[in-house]
Amino acid sequence: MSRDNELLFCKLDLRRVLENQTRTMAAAIDAIDSRQLLSRSADAWADELATTYSIAPISLDESGITVDQQDAEVDVSRDFRRAVFDRSRALHIKGVSVSFFVPFSGEKNLFLCQPSMFTSNPPSGRVEEGTLVMTFTRTDHDAAAVKGEFDRQLGNVKGYLETIARDLGPFNAGLRDVAKEQVERRMEKVRKDQAMVADLGFPRRKA
């Protein structure tokens, strides 16, 4: 792998990300103006909030994969198949860097998230807008070896994405009910607040 790649699926805990998403939605509900809140039904609010705060799983477009290459400097000082006399210093030779560009749809930050099941050796890559870039550097021109390594890494990525999709399923499926419950609770408080002020017997101050 080239140094442009970073470890995927290990920077954030997906469970905590989902908990934070729920808290963010609750804060957004509390921030809705009370008159605006009561101008719509709880069901209408729940539909909108579930759409806004659901998290789209990542889907790879394998039919759209493209490839590119460029020159690379490869440090072979730790390659014990080579006759290197001083391994304490870097020894660079010319190589080739091959990058595979895999289009995807869905929430790109999921590439940062560690799902409920994971390995000690996650795949590596670079996430750009709508594209996962996986780069491999070699000092030979063994296309079969490059393709084999890419296929292994891509299979690893797909395994992680399948686990993340399973983890997201219950969250997305239950989000509307959570939103409706929170909206109804807030609506009830707003109505009670208004009723208390009405019981004071004074006209309501105009905005």
Foldseek 3Di string as FASTA:
>chain_A
DDPVKDFWAAQAAVVVVLVVLLVVLLVVLVPDDLVVLVVDALLVQLVVSLVVSAFWFKDWDPVPKDKDKDKDWDFCLVVVVDPDDDSVDTDTDIKMKMKIKIFMDTDQCSRRHHFPDDDPDGAIFDDDVRITIDMDIDRDDPPVVVVVVVVVNVVRVVVRSVRVVVVSVVSSVCSSVSSSVSSVVVNVVSVVVVVVVVVVPDDDDDD
